[in-house]
N, C-alpha and C. Protein backbone atom coordinates (compact mmCIF):
# COMPACT_ATOMS: atom_id res chain seq x y z
N MET A 1 15.71 19.36 -19.69
CA MET A 1 15.64 20.78 -19.51
C MET A 1 14.65 21.08 -18.37
N PRO A 2 15.05 21.86 -17.40
CA PRO A 2 14.18 22.17 -16.29
C PRO A 2 12.96 22.97 -16.75
N THR A 3 11.85 22.76 -16.07
CA THR A 3 10.64 23.50 -16.39
C THR A 3 10.10 24.14 -15.13
N LEU A 4 9.19 25.07 -15.33
CA LEU A 4 8.57 25.75 -14.20
C LEU A 4 7.20 25.17 -13.90
N ARG A 5 6.81 24.09 -14.62
CA ARG A 5 5.51 23.49 -14.38
C ARG A 5 5.52 22.71 -13.06
N THR A 6 4.35 22.62 -12.47
CA THR A 6 4.22 21.84 -11.24
C THR A 6 3.85 20.40 -11.59
N LEU A 7 4.10 19.51 -10.66
CA LEU A 7 3.71 18.12 -10.87
C LEU A 7 2.22 17.99 -10.64
N PRO A 8 1.57 17.15 -11.45
CA PRO A 8 0.13 16.96 -11.23
C PRO A 8 -0.14 16.22 -9.92
N ASP A 9 -1.33 16.43 -9.37
CA ASP A 9 -1.72 15.79 -8.12
C ASP A 9 -1.68 14.27 -8.21
N ALA A 10 -1.90 13.75 -9.41
CA ALA A 10 -1.99 12.30 -9.59
C ALA A 10 -0.63 11.62 -9.71
N THR A 11 0.47 12.36 -9.71
CA THR A 11 1.79 11.74 -9.77
C THR A 11 1.99 10.87 -8.55
N LEU A 12 2.49 9.65 -8.76
CA LEU A 12 2.56 8.68 -7.66
C LEU A 12 3.94 8.62 -7.02
N ILE A 13 3.94 8.45 -5.71
CA ILE A 13 5.14 8.18 -4.93
C ILE A 13 4.99 6.73 -4.47
N LEU A 14 5.98 5.91 -4.69
CA LEU A 14 5.87 4.50 -4.33
C LEU A 14 5.64 4.33 -2.83
N THR A 15 4.76 3.39 -2.49
CA THR A 15 4.42 3.21 -1.08
C THR A 15 5.57 2.61 -0.27
N HIS A 16 6.52 1.98 -0.94
CA HIS A 16 7.64 1.42 -0.18
C HIS A 16 8.75 2.45 0.04
N ALA A 17 8.52 3.70 -0.37
CA ALA A 17 9.49 4.77 -0.10
C ALA A 17 9.53 5.03 1.41
N PRO A 18 10.71 5.22 1.96
CA PRO A 18 10.83 5.42 3.41
C PRO A 18 10.00 6.59 3.95
N ALA A 19 9.91 7.67 3.20
CA ALA A 19 9.14 8.83 3.66
C ALA A 19 7.65 8.50 3.78
N ILE A 20 7.14 7.69 2.87
CA ILE A 20 5.73 7.31 2.91
C ILE A 20 5.47 6.41 4.11
N LYS A 21 6.35 5.43 4.30
CA LYS A 21 6.19 4.53 5.45
C LYS A 21 6.24 5.31 6.76
N ALA A 22 7.16 6.26 6.84
CA ALA A 22 7.29 7.05 8.07
C ALA A 22 6.04 7.90 8.30
N ALA A 23 5.52 8.51 7.24
CA ALA A 23 4.32 9.35 7.40
C ALA A 23 3.12 8.50 7.79
N LEU A 24 2.98 7.33 7.17
CA LEU A 24 1.86 6.45 7.52
C LEU A 24 1.93 6.02 8.98
N SER A 25 3.13 5.75 9.45
CA SER A 25 3.26 5.28 10.83
C SER A 25 3.09 6.40 11.86
N LYS A 26 3.23 7.65 11.43
CA LYS A 26 3.02 8.78 12.35
C LYS A 26 1.54 9.06 12.61
N LEU A 27 0.70 8.62 11.67
CA LEU A 27 -0.73 8.87 11.83
C LEU A 27 -1.33 7.94 12.87
N SER A 28 -2.35 8.41 13.55
CA SER A 28 -3.09 7.53 14.47
C SER A 28 -3.93 6.57 13.65
N LYS A 29 -4.35 5.50 14.27
CA LYS A 29 -5.17 4.49 13.58
C LYS A 29 -6.45 5.12 13.05
N GLN A 30 -7.11 5.94 13.86
CA GLN A 30 -8.36 6.56 13.45
C GLN A 30 -8.14 7.52 12.28
N SER A 31 -7.07 8.31 12.33
CA SER A 31 -6.78 9.25 11.26
C SER A 31 -6.45 8.53 9.96
N LEU A 32 -5.68 7.47 10.07
CA LEU A 32 -5.31 6.69 8.88
C LEU A 32 -6.53 6.06 8.24
N CYS A 33 -7.42 5.52 9.05
CA CYS A 33 -8.66 4.94 8.52
C CYS A 33 -9.54 6.01 7.88
N ALA A 34 -9.62 7.18 8.51
CA ALA A 34 -10.42 8.27 7.95
C ALA A 34 -9.86 8.73 6.60
N LEU A 35 -8.54 8.84 6.51
CA LEU A 35 -7.93 9.22 5.24
C LEU A 35 -8.18 8.17 4.17
N ALA A 36 -8.02 6.90 4.52
CA ALA A 36 -8.24 5.82 3.56
C ALA A 36 -9.68 5.83 3.06
N LEU A 37 -10.63 6.06 3.95
CA LEU A 37 -12.03 6.14 3.54
C LEU A 37 -12.26 7.30 2.59
N ALA A 38 -11.61 8.43 2.84
CA ALA A 38 -11.73 9.58 1.94
C ALA A 38 -11.07 9.29 0.59
N TRP A 39 -9.94 8.59 0.62
CA TRP A 39 -9.21 8.28 -0.63
C TRP A 39 -10.00 7.34 -1.53
N VAL A 40 -10.76 6.43 -0.94
CA VAL A 40 -11.53 5.48 -1.74
C VAL A 40 -12.54 6.23 -2.61
N ASP A 41 -13.11 7.31 -2.10
CA ASP A 41 -14.11 8.09 -2.84
C ASP A 41 -13.49 9.07 -3.83
N ASP A 42 -12.22 9.39 -3.68
CA ASP A 42 -11.57 10.37 -4.53
C ASP A 42 -11.11 9.72 -5.84
N PRO A 43 -11.53 10.23 -7.01
CA PRO A 43 -11.14 9.59 -8.27
C PRO A 43 -9.63 9.60 -8.53
N ILE A 44 -8.91 10.59 -7.99
CA ILE A 44 -7.46 10.64 -8.17
C ILE A 44 -6.77 9.59 -7.31
N SER A 45 -7.36 9.28 -6.17
CA SER A 45 -6.70 8.45 -5.17
C SER A 45 -7.29 7.06 -5.02
N THR A 46 -7.93 6.54 -6.04
CA THR A 46 -8.58 5.24 -5.88
C THR A 46 -7.56 4.13 -5.64
N PRO A 47 -7.95 3.13 -4.89
CA PRO A 47 -7.04 2.00 -4.65
C PRO A 47 -6.69 1.28 -5.94
N ALA A 48 -5.60 0.55 -5.92
CA ALA A 48 -5.08 -0.12 -7.12
C ALA A 48 -6.11 -1.04 -7.76
N ALA A 49 -6.85 -1.82 -6.99
CA ALA A 49 -7.79 -2.79 -7.55
C ALA A 49 -8.91 -2.09 -8.32
N THR A 50 -9.48 -1.03 -7.77
CA THR A 50 -10.58 -0.36 -8.46
C THR A 50 -10.08 0.41 -9.67
N SER A 51 -8.89 1.00 -9.57
CA SER A 51 -8.38 1.75 -10.72
C SER A 51 -7.97 0.81 -11.85
N ARG A 52 -7.51 -0.42 -11.52
CA ARG A 52 -7.18 -1.38 -12.58
C ARG A 52 -8.44 -1.75 -13.35
N LYS A 53 -9.55 -1.98 -12.64
CA LYS A 53 -10.81 -2.29 -13.32
C LYS A 53 -11.24 -1.13 -14.21
N ARG A 54 -11.13 0.08 -13.69
CA ARG A 54 -11.51 1.26 -14.46
C ARG A 54 -10.63 1.39 -15.69
N HIS A 55 -9.33 1.15 -15.54
CA HIS A 55 -8.40 1.25 -16.65
C HIS A 55 -8.72 0.20 -17.72
N ARG A 56 -9.00 -1.04 -17.29
CA ARG A 56 -9.35 -2.09 -18.25
C ARG A 56 -10.59 -1.71 -19.04
N ARG A 57 -11.55 -1.11 -18.39
CA ARG A 57 -12.78 -0.72 -19.06
C ARG A 57 -12.50 0.38 -20.08
N GLU A 58 -11.62 1.34 -19.73
CA GLU A 58 -11.29 2.41 -20.66
C GLU A 58 -10.48 1.89 -21.84
N VAL A 59 -9.56 0.97 -21.60
CA VAL A 59 -8.73 0.42 -22.66
C VAL A 59 -9.56 -0.38 -23.65
N SER A 60 -10.53 -1.11 -23.16
CA SER A 60 -11.35 -1.92 -24.05
C SER A 60 -12.24 -1.05 -24.94
N GLN A 61 -12.44 0.21 -24.58
CA GLN A 61 -13.20 1.20 -25.35
C GLN A 61 -14.56 0.67 -25.78
N GLU A 62 -15.26 0.12 -24.86
CA GLU A 62 -16.61 -0.34 -25.14
C GLU A 62 -17.50 0.87 -25.29
N SER A 63 -18.35 0.84 -26.29
CA SER A 63 -19.26 1.96 -26.48
C SER A 63 -20.34 1.97 -25.41
N GLU A 64 -20.78 0.79 -25.00
CA GLU A 64 -21.75 0.70 -23.93
C GLU A 64 -21.05 0.30 -22.64
N GLU A 65 -21.28 1.06 -21.60
CA GLU A 65 -20.69 0.70 -20.33
C GLU A 65 -21.55 -0.37 -19.69
N SER A 66 -20.91 -1.43 -19.32
CA SER A 66 -21.63 -2.54 -18.71
C SER A 66 -22.03 -2.18 -17.29
N GLU A 67 -23.30 -2.36 -17.00
CA GLU A 67 -23.79 -2.07 -15.66
C GLU A 67 -23.20 -3.03 -14.64
N SER A 68 -22.97 -4.27 -15.06
CA SER A 68 -22.41 -5.24 -14.12
C SER A 68 -21.00 -4.86 -13.70
N GLU A 69 -20.20 -4.31 -14.63
CA GLU A 69 -18.84 -3.88 -14.28
C GLU A 69 -18.89 -2.70 -13.31
N GLU A 70 -19.81 -1.78 -13.55
CA GLU A 70 -19.94 -0.64 -12.63
C GLU A 70 -20.39 -1.12 -11.26
N GLU A 71 -21.31 -2.08 -11.23
CA GLU A 71 -21.77 -2.61 -9.96
C GLU A 71 -20.63 -3.33 -9.23
N GLU A 72 -19.81 -4.08 -9.98
CA GLU A 72 -18.66 -4.76 -9.37
C GLU A 72 -17.70 -3.75 -8.77
N GLU A 73 -17.46 -2.67 -9.50
CA GLU A 73 -16.55 -1.63 -9.00
C GLU A 73 -17.10 -1.00 -7.73
N GLU A 74 -18.40 -0.72 -7.72
CA GLU A 74 -19.02 -0.13 -6.53
C GLU A 74 -18.97 -1.10 -5.35
N GLU A 75 -19.19 -2.40 -5.63
CA GLU A 75 -19.12 -3.40 -4.56
C GLU A 75 -17.70 -3.48 -4.00
N LEU A 76 -16.70 -3.42 -4.89
CA LEU A 76 -15.32 -3.47 -4.44
C LEU A 76 -14.99 -2.26 -3.58
N GLU A 77 -15.45 -1.07 -4.00
CA GLU A 77 -15.23 0.13 -3.19
C GLU A 77 -15.94 0.02 -1.85
N ASP A 78 -17.15 -0.53 -1.85
CA ASP A 78 -17.89 -0.73 -0.59
C ASP A 78 -17.16 -1.71 0.32
N ASP A 79 -16.59 -2.78 -0.29
CA ASP A 79 -15.82 -3.75 0.51
C ASP A 79 -14.61 -3.09 1.14
N ILE A 80 -13.92 -2.28 0.36
CA ILE A 80 -12.73 -1.60 0.90
C ILE A 80 -13.13 -0.64 2.01
N LYS A 81 -14.23 0.08 1.81
CA LYS A 81 -14.72 1.00 2.85
C LYS A 81 -15.05 0.22 4.12
N SER A 82 -15.72 -0.91 3.96
CA SER A 82 -16.11 -1.68 5.15
C SER A 82 -14.87 -2.20 5.89
N VAL A 83 -13.81 -2.53 5.15
CA VAL A 83 -12.57 -2.98 5.80
C VAL A 83 -12.03 -1.89 6.71
N TYR A 84 -11.96 -0.66 6.20
CA TYR A 84 -11.41 0.44 7.00
C TYR A 84 -12.35 0.85 8.13
N GLU A 85 -13.64 0.76 7.90
CA GLU A 85 -14.59 1.07 8.97
C GLU A 85 -14.46 0.06 10.11
N GLU A 86 -14.32 -1.22 9.76
CA GLU A 86 -14.15 -2.26 10.78
C GLU A 86 -12.83 -2.09 11.52
N MET A 87 -11.76 -1.79 10.78
CA MET A 87 -10.45 -1.60 11.42
C MET A 87 -10.48 -0.40 12.35
N ARG A 88 -11.17 0.65 11.96
CA ARG A 88 -11.25 1.86 12.79
C ARG A 88 -11.99 1.57 14.09
N ASP A 89 -13.08 0.78 14.00
CA ASP A 89 -13.92 0.53 15.16
C ASP A 89 -13.42 -0.62 16.04
N GLU A 90 -12.64 -1.53 15.49
CA GLU A 90 -12.16 -2.70 16.23
C GLU A 90 -10.93 -2.33 17.05
N GLU A 91 -11.01 -2.51 18.35
CA GLU A 91 -9.91 -2.13 19.23
C GLU A 91 -8.72 -3.09 19.13
N ARG A 92 -8.98 -4.34 18.75
CA ARG A 92 -7.89 -5.33 18.66
C ARG A 92 -6.94 -5.05 17.49
N VAL A 93 -7.42 -4.35 16.49
CA VAL A 93 -6.61 -4.07 15.31
C VAL A 93 -5.55 -3.03 15.65
N LYS A 94 -4.30 -3.36 15.37
CA LYS A 94 -3.19 -2.47 15.64
C LYS A 94 -2.97 -1.53 14.46
N LYS A 95 -2.32 -0.41 14.74
CA LYS A 95 -2.05 0.57 13.71
C LYS A 95 -1.19 -0.03 12.59
N GLY A 96 -0.26 -0.89 12.94
CA GLY A 96 0.60 -1.52 11.94
C GLY A 96 -0.18 -2.31 10.90
N GLU A 97 -1.26 -2.94 11.33
CA GLU A 97 -2.11 -3.69 10.40
C GLU A 97 -2.80 -2.74 9.41
N VAL A 98 -3.21 -1.60 9.92
CA VAL A 98 -3.86 -0.61 9.06
C VAL A 98 -2.85 -0.08 8.04
N VAL A 99 -1.63 0.20 8.48
CA VAL A 99 -0.58 0.68 7.57
C VAL A 99 -0.33 -0.34 6.47
N LYS A 100 -0.21 -1.62 6.83
CA LYS A 100 0.00 -2.67 5.83
C LYS A 100 -1.16 -2.76 4.85
N THR A 101 -2.37 -2.60 5.35
CA THR A 101 -3.55 -2.66 4.49
C THR A 101 -3.56 -1.49 3.51
N VAL A 102 -3.23 -0.30 3.99
CA VAL A 102 -3.15 0.87 3.10
C VAL A 102 -2.09 0.63 2.04
N MET A 103 -0.94 0.13 2.44
CA MET A 103 0.14 -0.12 1.47
C MET A 103 -0.26 -1.18 0.46
N ARG A 104 -1.08 -2.12 0.87
CA ARG A 104 -1.54 -3.16 -0.06
C ARG A 104 -2.59 -2.60 -1.02
N HIS A 105 -3.53 -1.82 -0.50
CA HIS A 105 -4.58 -1.26 -1.37
C HIS A 105 -4.03 -0.22 -2.34
N TRP A 106 -3.06 0.56 -1.93
CA TRP A 106 -2.45 1.55 -2.80
C TRP A 106 -1.04 1.09 -3.18
N SER A 107 -0.94 -0.12 -3.68
CA SER A 107 0.36 -0.72 -3.99
C SER A 107 1.07 -0.01 -5.14
N ARG A 108 0.33 0.65 -6.03
CA ARG A 108 0.96 1.39 -7.12
C ARG A 108 1.64 2.64 -6.60
N GLY A 109 1.21 3.14 -5.47
CA GLY A 109 1.79 4.33 -4.89
C GLY A 109 0.72 5.29 -4.41
N LEU A 110 1.16 6.32 -3.71
CA LEU A 110 0.27 7.37 -3.23
C LEU A 110 0.56 8.64 -4.02
N SER A 111 -0.48 9.40 -4.30
CA SER A 111 -0.30 10.64 -5.05
C SER A 111 0.26 11.73 -4.14
N TYR A 112 0.76 12.79 -4.77
CA TYR A 112 1.23 13.93 -3.99
C TYR A 112 0.10 14.54 -3.18
N LYS A 113 -1.11 14.48 -3.72
CA LYS A 113 -2.27 14.98 -3.00
C LYS A 113 -2.46 14.18 -1.71
N GLN A 114 -2.36 12.84 -1.80
CA GLN A 114 -2.50 12.00 -0.62
C GLN A 114 -1.37 12.28 0.38
N ARG A 115 -0.17 12.49 -0.13
CA ARG A 115 0.97 12.78 0.74
C ARG A 115 0.74 14.09 1.49
N ALA A 116 0.21 15.07 0.79
CA ALA A 116 -0.09 16.35 1.44
C ALA A 116 -1.19 16.20 2.48
N GLN A 117 -2.19 15.39 2.17
CA GLN A 117 -3.27 15.15 3.13
C GLN A 117 -2.72 14.46 4.39
N MET A 118 -1.78 13.54 4.20
CA MET A 118 -1.17 12.89 5.37
C MET A 118 -0.42 13.90 6.22
N ASP A 119 0.36 14.79 5.58
CA ASP A 119 1.10 15.79 6.34
C ASP A 119 0.17 16.72 7.12
N ILE A 120 -0.90 17.13 6.49
CA ILE A 120 -1.86 18.00 7.17
C ILE A 120 -2.50 17.27 8.35
N GLN A 121 -2.84 16.00 8.14
CA GLN A 121 -3.45 15.22 9.22
C GLN A 121 -2.48 15.03 10.38
N ILE A 122 -1.21 14.78 10.07
CA ILE A 122 -0.20 14.65 11.13
C ILE A 122 -0.10 15.95 11.91
N LEU A 123 -0.11 17.06 11.19
CA LEU A 123 -0.02 18.36 11.85
C LEU A 123 -1.25 18.62 12.72
N GLN A 124 -2.43 18.19 12.25
CA GLN A 124 -3.65 18.37 13.04
C GLN A 124 -3.65 17.46 14.26
N ASP A 125 -3.15 16.22 14.10
CA ASP A 125 -3.12 15.28 15.22
C ASP A 125 -2.12 15.70 16.29
N LYS A 126 -0.96 16.17 15.86
CA LYS A 126 0.12 16.54 16.78
C LYS A 126 0.66 17.91 16.38
N PRO A 127 -0.04 18.97 16.74
CA PRO A 127 0.34 20.31 16.25
C PRO A 127 1.71 20.79 16.73
N THR A 128 2.21 20.26 17.81
CA THR A 128 3.51 20.73 18.32
C THR A 128 4.66 19.80 17.94
N SER A 129 4.38 18.80 17.10
CA SER A 129 5.43 17.82 16.80
C SER A 129 6.39 18.27 15.72
N ARG A 130 6.05 19.30 14.98
CA ARG A 130 6.92 19.75 13.90
C ARG A 130 7.15 21.24 13.98
N SER A 131 8.32 21.63 13.54
CA SER A 131 8.56 23.06 13.38
C SER A 131 8.81 23.29 11.89
N TRP A 132 8.38 24.42 11.40
CA TRP A 132 8.47 24.72 9.99
C TRP A 132 9.32 25.96 9.79
N THR A 133 10.12 25.94 8.76
CA THR A 133 10.91 27.10 8.38
C THR A 133 10.64 27.38 6.92
N ALA A 134 10.36 28.61 6.60
CA ALA A 134 10.09 28.97 5.21
C ALA A 134 11.22 29.83 4.68
N TYR A 135 11.64 29.56 3.48
CA TYR A 135 12.68 30.33 2.83
C TYR A 135 12.13 30.86 1.52
N GLN A 136 12.64 32.01 1.12
CA GLN A 136 12.25 32.58 -0.16
C GLN A 136 13.50 32.76 -0.99
N LEU A 137 13.46 32.27 -2.21
CA LEU A 137 14.57 32.45 -3.12
C LEU A 137 14.41 33.80 -3.81
N ILE A 138 15.44 34.60 -3.73
CA ILE A 138 15.40 35.92 -4.35
C ILE A 138 16.43 35.93 -5.48
N HIS A 139 15.96 36.24 -6.67
CA HIS A 139 16.85 36.30 -7.82
C HIS A 139 17.42 37.71 -7.93
N THR A 140 18.74 37.83 -7.85
CA THR A 140 19.37 39.14 -7.95
C THR A 140 19.62 39.53 -9.39
N VAL A 141 19.74 38.54 -10.25
CA VAL A 141 19.96 38.78 -11.67
C VAL A 141 18.77 38.18 -12.41
N ALA A 142 18.35 38.85 -13.46
CA ALA A 142 17.23 38.32 -14.23
C ALA A 142 17.62 36.95 -14.79
N ALA A 143 16.86 35.96 -14.44
CA ALA A 143 17.15 34.60 -14.87
C ALA A 143 16.73 34.40 -16.31
N PRO A 144 17.54 33.69 -17.09
CA PRO A 144 17.14 33.41 -18.47
C PRO A 144 15.95 32.46 -18.48
N SER A 145 15.22 32.45 -19.58
CA SER A 145 14.02 31.62 -19.65
C SER A 145 14.37 30.13 -19.75
N TYR A 146 15.60 29.81 -20.12
CA TYR A 146 16.02 28.41 -20.15
C TYR A 146 17.47 28.31 -19.70
N THR A 147 17.84 27.17 -19.20
CA THR A 147 19.17 26.94 -18.67
C THR A 147 19.61 25.53 -19.03
N THR A 148 20.87 25.40 -19.39
CA THR A 148 21.39 24.05 -19.63
C THR A 148 21.77 23.45 -18.30
N PRO A 149 21.88 22.13 -18.22
CA PRO A 149 22.29 21.51 -16.96
C PRO A 149 23.65 22.00 -16.46
N ALA A 150 24.57 22.25 -17.37
CA ALA A 150 25.90 22.73 -16.96
C ALA A 150 25.82 24.13 -16.36
N GLN A 151 24.98 25.00 -16.98
CA GLN A 151 24.81 26.35 -16.44
C GLN A 151 24.14 26.31 -15.07
N LEU A 152 23.16 25.44 -14.93
CA LEU A 152 22.47 25.30 -13.65
C LEU A 152 23.44 24.83 -12.57
N ALA A 153 24.24 23.81 -12.87
CA ALA A 153 25.22 23.30 -11.90
C ALA A 153 26.22 24.37 -11.51
N SER A 154 26.67 25.14 -12.49
CA SER A 154 27.63 26.20 -12.21
C SER A 154 27.02 27.27 -11.32
N ARG A 155 25.80 27.69 -11.63
CA ARG A 155 25.14 28.72 -10.82
C ARG A 155 24.87 28.24 -9.41
N LEU A 156 24.45 26.98 -9.28
CA LEU A 156 24.21 26.43 -7.95
C LEU A 156 25.51 26.36 -7.15
N ARG A 157 26.60 25.95 -7.80
CA ARG A 157 27.89 25.85 -7.12
C ARG A 157 28.30 27.22 -6.58
N VAL A 158 28.15 28.25 -7.40
CA VAL A 158 28.53 29.62 -7.00
C VAL A 158 27.60 30.11 -5.87
N ALA A 159 26.28 29.88 -6.04
CA ALA A 159 25.33 30.37 -5.05
C ALA A 159 25.46 29.66 -3.70
N LEU A 160 25.80 28.37 -3.71
CA LEU A 160 25.90 27.62 -2.47
C LEU A 160 27.30 27.58 -1.88
N SER A 161 28.28 28.12 -2.58
CA SER A 161 29.68 28.06 -2.10
C SER A 161 29.88 28.67 -0.71
N PRO A 162 29.17 29.74 -0.34
CA PRO A 162 29.37 30.25 1.03
C PRO A 162 28.93 29.26 2.12
N TYR A 163 28.04 28.33 1.77
CA TYR A 163 27.52 27.39 2.74
C TYR A 163 28.24 26.06 2.73
N HIS A 164 28.99 25.80 1.69
CA HIS A 164 29.70 24.53 1.55
C HIS A 164 31.19 24.76 1.39
N THR A 165 31.98 24.00 2.09
CA THR A 165 33.42 24.04 1.85
C THR A 165 33.80 22.71 1.24
N HIS A 166 34.53 22.77 0.15
CA HIS A 166 34.88 21.53 -0.58
C HIS A 166 36.18 20.98 -0.12
């Protein structure tokens, strides 16, 4: 049954999705490194390795948090940050290597928040590279609070029929 709720920011899009690969490759090396550095600090966007450690710690439900585990997690985050800082500053490193590294660190996927950040960064890097069109859906009849899939398909068919010839 369709809902009007929005997807949470933490919902993941697989990194091997063509749209993600295309967006990553549109970013400059410096922009991609800057985004990756910001993502490492964001609790929603942590890389797969650090989030797995955090998840293991939560699953084990230890009453006392081990300081050594927290230190390991911080060291891992620092290591990941240093990787992106070095890649950003090293001229020999190609953008493709940075893209592969991002895909490896976020192997579980990128969140919608990260995807939106990439789009904004692409727009900031190349402001004339995209054109945007906005549409507004106007309901002429009061929509019921719920719809079955068959009713939805029927309404869409009728509403889109002027634009599609079968």
